[in-house]
Amino acid sequence: GLVQPGGSLRLSCAAPRSIFSIYAMG
């Protein structure tokens, strides 16, 4: 989204369990 300088945001990323359990995420 749009945020002013100095502000905060949180991004999320959901993955299939078969991937998430063994892969590095970035």
PDB file of all heavy atoms in Angstrom:
ATOM      1  N   GLY A   1       0.804  -1.208   0.000  1.00  0.00           N
ATOM      2  CA  GLY A   1       0.000   0.000   0.000  1.00  0.00           C
ATOM      3  C   GLY A   1       0.838   1.260   0.000  1.00  0.00           C
ATOM      4  O   GLY A   1       2.052   1.214  -0.241  1.00  0.00           O
ATOM      5  N   LEU A   2       0.174   2.362   0.298  1.00  0.00           N
ATOM      6  CA  LEU A   2       0.813   3.680   0.345  1.00  0.00           C
ATOM      7  C   LEU A   2       1.036   4.074   1.798  1.00  0.00           C
ATOM      8  O   LEU A   2       0.107   3.974   2.620  1.00  0.00           O
ATOM      9  CB  LEU A   2      -0.072   4.711  -0.353  1.00  0.00           C
ATOM     10  CG  LEU A   2       0.358   6.179  -0.245  1.00  0.00           C
ATOM     11  CD1 LEU A   2       1.694   6.404  -0.941  1.00  0.00           C
ATOM     12  CD2 LEU A   2      -0.726   7.085  -0.828  1.00  0.00           C
ATOM     13  N   VAL A   3       2.226   4.510   2.120  1.00  0.00           N
ATOM     14  CA  VAL A   3       2.547   4.915   3.482  1.00  0.00           C
ATOM     15  C   VAL A   3       3.472   6.121   3.440  1.00  0.00           C
ATOM     16  O   VAL A   3       4.249   6.282   2.477  1.00  0.00           O
ATOM     17  CB  VAL A   3       3.192   3.739   4.253  1.00  0.00           C
ATOM     18  CG1 VAL A   3       4.524   3.349   3.639  1.00  0.00           C
ATOM     19  CG2 VAL A   3       3.335   4.048   5.727  1.00  0.00           C
ATOM     20  N   GLN A   4       3.384   6.946   4.444  1.00  0.00           N
ATOM     21  CA  GLN A   4       4.253   8.121   4.517  1.00  0.00           C
ATOM     22  C   GLN A   4       5.649   7.725   4.999  1.00  0.00           C
ATOM     23  O   GLN A   4       5.809   6.706   5.694  1.00  0.00           O
ATOM     24  CB  GLN A   4       3.662   9.150   5.472  1.00  0.00           C
ATOM     25  CG  GLN A   4       2.386   9.798   4.968  1.00  0.00           C
ATOM     26  CD  GLN A   4       1.917  10.928   5.867  1.00  0.00           C
ATOM     27  OE1 GLN A   4       2.305  11.013   7.027  1.00  0.00           O
ATOM     28  NE2 GLN A   4       1.074  11.793   5.339  1.00  0.00           N
ATOM     29  N   PRO A   5       6.635   8.522   4.646  1.00  0.00           N
ATOM     30  CA  PRO A   5       7.999   8.249   5.175  1.00  0.00           C
ATOM     31  C   PRO A   5       7.988   8.164   6.694  1.00  0.00           C
ATOM     32  O   PRO A   5       7.328   8.960   7.366  1.00  0.00           O
ATOM     33  CB  PRO A   5       8.800   9.455   4.682  1.00  0.00           C
ATOM     34  CG  PRO A   5       8.091   9.895   3.441  1.00  0.00           C
ATOM     35  CD  PRO A   5       6.636   9.655   3.702  1.00  0.00           C
ATOM     36  N   GLY A   6       8.709   7.170   7.201  1.00  0.00           N
ATOM     37  CA  GLY A   6       8.732   6.934   8.635  1.00  0.00           C
ATOM     38  C   GLY A   6       7.667   5.972   9.111  1.00  0.00           C
ATOM     39  O   GLY A   6       7.692   5.533  10.271  1.00  0.00           O
ATOM     40  N   GLY A   7       6.739   5.628   8.244  1.00  0.00           N
ATOM     41  CA  GLY A   7       5.652   4.733   8.600  1.00  0.00           C
ATOM     42  C   GLY A   7       6.032   3.268   8.519  1.00  0.00           C
ATOM     43  O   GLY A   7       7.190   2.914   8.256  1.00  0.00           O
ATOM     44  N   SER A   8       5.031   2.421   8.749  1.00  0.00           N
ATOM     45  CA  SER A   8       5.241   0.975   8.784  1.00  0.00           C
ATOM     46  C   SER A   8       4.215   0.256   7.929  1.00  0.00           C
ATOM     47  O   SER A   8       3.086   0.743   7.745  1.00  0.00           O
ATOM     48  CB  SER A   8       5.133   0.466  10.226  1.00  0.00           C
ATOM     49  OG  SER A   8       6.124   1.023  11.060  1.00  0.00           O
ATOM     50  N   LEU A   9       4.609  -0.898   7.443  1.00  0.00           N
ATOM     51  CA  LEU A   9       3.721  -1.818   6.736  1.00  0.00           C
ATOM     52  C   LEU A   9       4.143  -3.235   7.077  1.00  0.00           C
ATOM     53  O   LEU A   9       5.320  -3.473   7.361  1.00  0.00           O
ATOM     54  CB  LEU A   9       3.797  -1.629   5.225  1.00  0.00           C
ATOM     55  CG  LEU A   9       3.033  -0.486   4.559  1.00  0.00           C
ATOM     56  CD1 LEU A   9       3.362  -0.461   3.063  1.00  0.00           C
ATOM     57  CD2 LEU A   9       1.547  -0.617   4.770  1.00  0.00           C
ATOM     58  N   ARG A  10       3.196  -4.141   6.998  1.00  0.00           N
ATOM     59  CA  ARG A  10       3.528  -5.559   7.134  1.00  0.00           C
ATOM     60  C   ARG A  10       2.994  -6.319   5.932  1.00  0.00           C
ATOM     61  O   ARG A  10       1.807  -6.260   5.617  1.00  0.00           O
ATOM     62  CB  ARG A  10       2.948  -6.162   8.417  1.00  0.00           C
ATOM     63  CG  ARG A  10       3.467  -7.571   8.677  1.00  0.00           C
ATOM     64  CD  ARG A  10       2.986  -8.167   9.976  1.00  0.00           C
ATOM     65  NE  ARG A  10       1.629  -8.696   9.886  1.00  0.00           N
ATOM     66  CZ  ARG A  10       1.154  -9.651  10.672  1.00  0.00           C
ATOM     67  NH1 ARG A  10       1.926 -10.168  11.616  1.00  0.00           N
ATOM     68  NH2 ARG A  10      -0.090 -10.069  10.532  1.00  0.00           N
ATOM     69  N   LEU A  11       3.901  -7.037   5.278  1.00  0.00           N
ATOM     70  CA  LEU A  11       3.532  -7.890   4.162  1.00  0.00           C
ATOM     71  C   LEU A  11       3.398  -9.326   4.641  1.00  0.00           C
ATOM     72  O   LEU A  11       4.119  -9.758   5.547  1.00  0.00           O
ATOM     73  CB  LEU A  11       4.597  -7.818   3.063  1.00  0.00           C
ATOM     74  CG  LEU A  11       4.957  -6.432   2.537  1.00  0.00           C
ATOM     75  CD1 LEU A  11       5.982  -6.569   1.404  1.00  0.00           C
ATOM     76  CD2 LEU A  11       3.756  -5.660   2.095  1.00  0.00           C
ATOM     77  N   SER A  12       2.489 -10.054   4.006  1.00  0.00           N
ATOM     78  CA  SER A  12       2.291 -11.472   4.317  1.00  0.00           C
ATOM     79  C   SER A  12       2.377 -12.288   3.037  1.00  0.00           C
ATOM     80  O   SER A  12       2.038 -11.799   1.956  1.00  0.00           O
ATOM     81  CB  SER A  12       0.920 -11.698   4.955  1.00  0.00           C
ATOM     82  OG  SER A  12       0.769 -10.943   6.129  1.00  0.00           O
ATOM     83  N   CYS A  13       2.809 -13.525   3.187  1.00  0.00           N
ATOM     84  CA  CYS A  13       2.891 -14.435   2.042  1.00  0.00           C
ATOM     85  C   CYS A  13       2.550 -15.834   2.525  1.00  0.00           C
ATOM     86  O   CYS A  13       3.272 -16.402   3.348  1.00  0.00           O
ATOM     87  CB  CYS A  13       4.285 -14.397   1.438  1.00  0.00           C
ATOM     88  SG  CYS A  13       4.567 -15.637   0.160  1.00  0.00           S
ATOM     89  N   ALA A  14       1.470 -16.375   1.995  1.00  0.00           N
ATOM     90  CA  ALA A  14       1.040 -17.726   2.344  1.00  0.00           C
ATOM     91  C   ALA A  14       1.479 -18.694   1.261  1.00  0.00           C
ATOM     92  O   ALA A  14       1.356 -18.404   0.067  1.00  0.00           O
ATOM     93  CB  ALA A  14      -0.476 -17.768   2.518  1.00  0.00           C
ATOM     94  N   ALA A  15       1.996 -19.834   1.699  1.00  0.00           N
ATOM     95  CA  ALA A  15       2.498 -20.840   0.774  1.00  0.00           C
ATOM     96  C   ALA A  15       1.881 -22.197   1.100  1.00  0.00           C
ATOM     97  O   ALA A  15       1.431 -22.426   2.219  1.00  0.00           O
ATOM     98  CB  ALA A  15       4.028 -20.928   0.879  1.00  0.00           C
ATOM     99  N   PRO A  16       1.873 -23.125   0.127  1.00  0.00           N
ATOM    100  CA  PRO A  16       1.411 -24.485   0.426  1.00  0.00           C
ATOM    101  C   PRO A  16       2.304 -25.122   1.493  1.00  0.00           C
ATOM    102  O   PRO A  16       3.514 -24.885   1.519  1.00  0.00           O
ATOM    103  CB  PRO A  16       1.545 -25.204  -0.915  1.00  0.00           C
ATOM    104  CG  PRO A  16       1.557 -24.123  -1.936  1.00  0.00           C
ATOM    105  CD  PRO A  16       2.223 -22.959  -1.286  1.00  0.00           C
ATOM    106  N   ARG A  17       1.715 -25.938   2.339  1.00  0.00           N
ATOM    107  CA  ARG A  17       2.468 -26.557   3.425  1.00  0.00           C
ATOM    108  C   ARG A  17       3.668 -27.355   2.918  1.00  0.00           C
ATOM    109  O   ARG A  17       4.744 -27.333   3.512  1.00  0.00           O
ATOM    110  CB  ARG A  17       1.556 -27.470   4.247  1.00  0.00           C
ATOM    111  CG  ARG A  17       2.256 -28.189   5.380  1.00  0.00           C
ATOM    112  CD  ARG A  17       1.300 -29.063   6.159  1.00  0.00           C
ATOM    113  NE  ARG A  17       0.299 -28.271   6.852  1.00  0.00           N
ATOM    114  CZ  ARG A  17       0.487 -27.730   8.052  1.00  0.00           C
ATOM    115  NH1 ARG A  17       1.642 -27.880   8.680  1.00  0.00           N
ATOM    116  NH2 ARG A  17      -0.468 -27.047   8.624  1.00  0.00           N
ATOM    117  N   SER A  18       3.493 -28.033   1.793  1.00  0.00           N
ATOM    118  CA  SER A  18       4.568 -28.870   1.247  1.00  0.00           C
ATOM    119  C   SER A  18       5.783 -28.042   0.879  1.00  0.00           C
ATOM    120  O   SER A  18       6.912 -28.529   0.893  1.00  0.00           O
ATOM    121  CB  SER A  18       4.066 -29.643   0.027  1.00  0.00           C
ATOM    122  OG  SER A  18       3.624 -28.740  -0.969  1.00  0.00           O
ATOM    123  N   ILE A  19       5.555 -26.808   0.500  1.00  0.00           N
ATOM    124  CA  ILE A  19       6.643 -25.893   0.156  1.00  0.00           C
ATOM    125  C   ILE A  19       7.187 -25.230   1.411  1.00  0.00           C
ATOM    126  O   ILE A  19       8.398 -25.193   1.659  1.00  0.00           O
ATOM    127  CB  ILE A  19       6.164 -24.822  -0.842  1.00  0.00           C
ATOM    128  CG1 ILE A  19       5.770 -25.461  -2.154  1.00  0.00           C
ATOM    129  CG2 ILE A  19       7.228 -23.740  -1.032  1.00  0.00           C
ATOM    130  CD1 ILE A  19       6.931 -26.124  -2.888  1.00  0.00           C
ATOM    131  N   PHE A  20       6.284 -24.701   2.202  1.00  0.00           N
ATOM    132  CA  PHE A  20       6.679 -23.875   3.334  1.00  0.00           C
ATOM    133  C   PHE A  20       7.545 -24.627   4.338  1.00  0.00           C
ATOM    134  O   PHE A  20       8.469 -24.063   4.923  1.00  0.00           O
ATOM    135  CB  PHE A  20       5.426 -23.333   4.029  1.00  0.00           C
ATOM    136  CG  PHE A  20       5.716 -22.271   5.042  1.00  0.00           C
ATOM    137  CD1 PHE A  20       5.867 -20.948   4.654  1.00  0.00           C
ATOM    138  CD2 PHE A  20       5.852 -22.592   6.391  1.00  0.00           C
ATOM    139  CE1 PHE A  20       6.148 -19.961   5.588  1.00  0.00           C
ATOM    140  CE2 PHE A  20       6.124 -21.622   7.328  1.00  0.00           C
ATOM    141  CZ  PHE A  20       6.276 -20.300   6.921  1.00  0.00           C
ATOM    142  N   SER A  21       7.258 -25.908   4.516  1.00  0.00           N
ATOM    143  CA  SER A  21       7.941 -26.658   5.576  1.00  0.00           C
ATOM    144  C   SER A  21       9.414 -26.909   5.278  1.00  0.00           C
ATOM    145  O   SER A  21      10.192 -27.143   6.200  1.00  0.00           O
ATOM    146  CB  SER A  21       7.229 -27.988   5.813  1.00  0.00           C
ATOM    147  OG  SER A  21       7.250 -28.773   4.638  1.00  0.00           O
ATOM    148  N   ILE A  22       9.806 -26.865   4.022  1.00  0.00           N
ATOM    149  CA  ILE A  22      11.199 -27.205   3.698  1.00  0.00           C
ATOM    150  C   ILE A  22      11.954 -26.146   2.917  1.00  0.00           C
ATOM    151  O   ILE A  22      13.173 -26.189   2.828  1.00  0.00           O
ATOM    152  CB  ILE A  22      11.289 -28.542   2.937  1.00  0.00           C
ATOM    153  CG1 ILE A  22      10.475 -28.475   1.637  1.00  0.00           C
ATOM    154  CG2 ILE A  22      10.825 -29.699   3.807  1.00  0.00           C
ATOM    155  CD1 ILE A  22      10.627 -29.726   0.781  1.00  0.00           C
ATOM    156  N   TYR A  23      11.241 -25.195   2.329  1.00  0.00           N
ATOM    157  CA  TYR A  23      11.897 -24.179   1.520  1.00  0.00           C
ATOM    158  C   TYR A  23      12.320 -22.985   2.361  1.00  0.00           C
ATOM    159  O   TYR A  23      11.655 -22.639   3.356  1.00  0.00           O
ATOM    160  CB  TYR A  23      10.963 -23.678   0.419  1.00  0.00           C
ATOM    161  CG  TYR A  23      10.906 -24.550  -0.801  1.00  0.00           C
ATOM    162  CD1 TYR A  23      10.662 -25.911  -0.714  1.00  0.00           C
ATOM    163  CD2 TYR A  23      11.101 -23.999  -2.058  1.00  0.00           C
ATOM    164  CE1 TYR A  23      10.617 -26.701  -1.841  1.00  0.00           C
ATOM    165  CE2 TYR A  23      11.048 -24.779  -3.202  1.00  0.00           C
ATOM    166  CZ  TYR A  23      10.802 -26.127  -3.087  1.00  0.00           C
ATOM    167  OH  TYR A  23      10.757 -26.899  -4.202  1.00  0.00           O
ATOM    168  N   ALA A  24      13.404 -22.361   1.920  1.00  0.00           N
ATOM    169  CA  ALA A  24      13.716 -21.041   2.444  1.00  0.00           C
ATOM    170  C   ALA A  24      12.744 -20.042   1.822  1.00  0.00           C
ATOM    171  O   ALA A  24      12.412 -20.144   0.643  1.00  0.00           O
ATOM    172  CB  ALA A  24      15.144 -20.646   2.103  1.00  0.00           C
ATOM    173  N   MET A  25      12.289 -19.088   2.613  1.00  0.00           N
ATOM    174  CA  MET A  25      11.359 -18.077   2.137  1.00  0.00           C
ATOM    175  C   MET A  25      12.049 -16.721   2.143  1.00  0.00           C
ATOM    176  O   MET A  25      12.864 -16.423   3.018  1.00  0.00           O
ATOM    177  CB  MET A  25      10.124 -18.026   3.032  1.00  0.00           C
ATOM    178  CG  MET A  25       9.371 -19.335   3.149  1.00  0.00           C
ATOM    179  SD  MET A  25       8.662 -19.883   1.580  1.00  0.00           S
ATOM    180  CE  MET A  25       7.473 -18.563   1.254  1.00  0.00           C
ATOM    181  N   GLY A  26      11.707 -15.900   1.173  1.00  0.00           N
ATOM    182  CA  GLY A  26      12.360 -14.602   1.110  1.00  0.00           C
ATOM    183  C   GLY A  26      11.473 -13.543   0.483  1.00  0.00           C
ATOM    184  O   GLY A  26      10.405 -13.842  -0.061  1.00  0.00           O
TER     185      GLY A  26
END
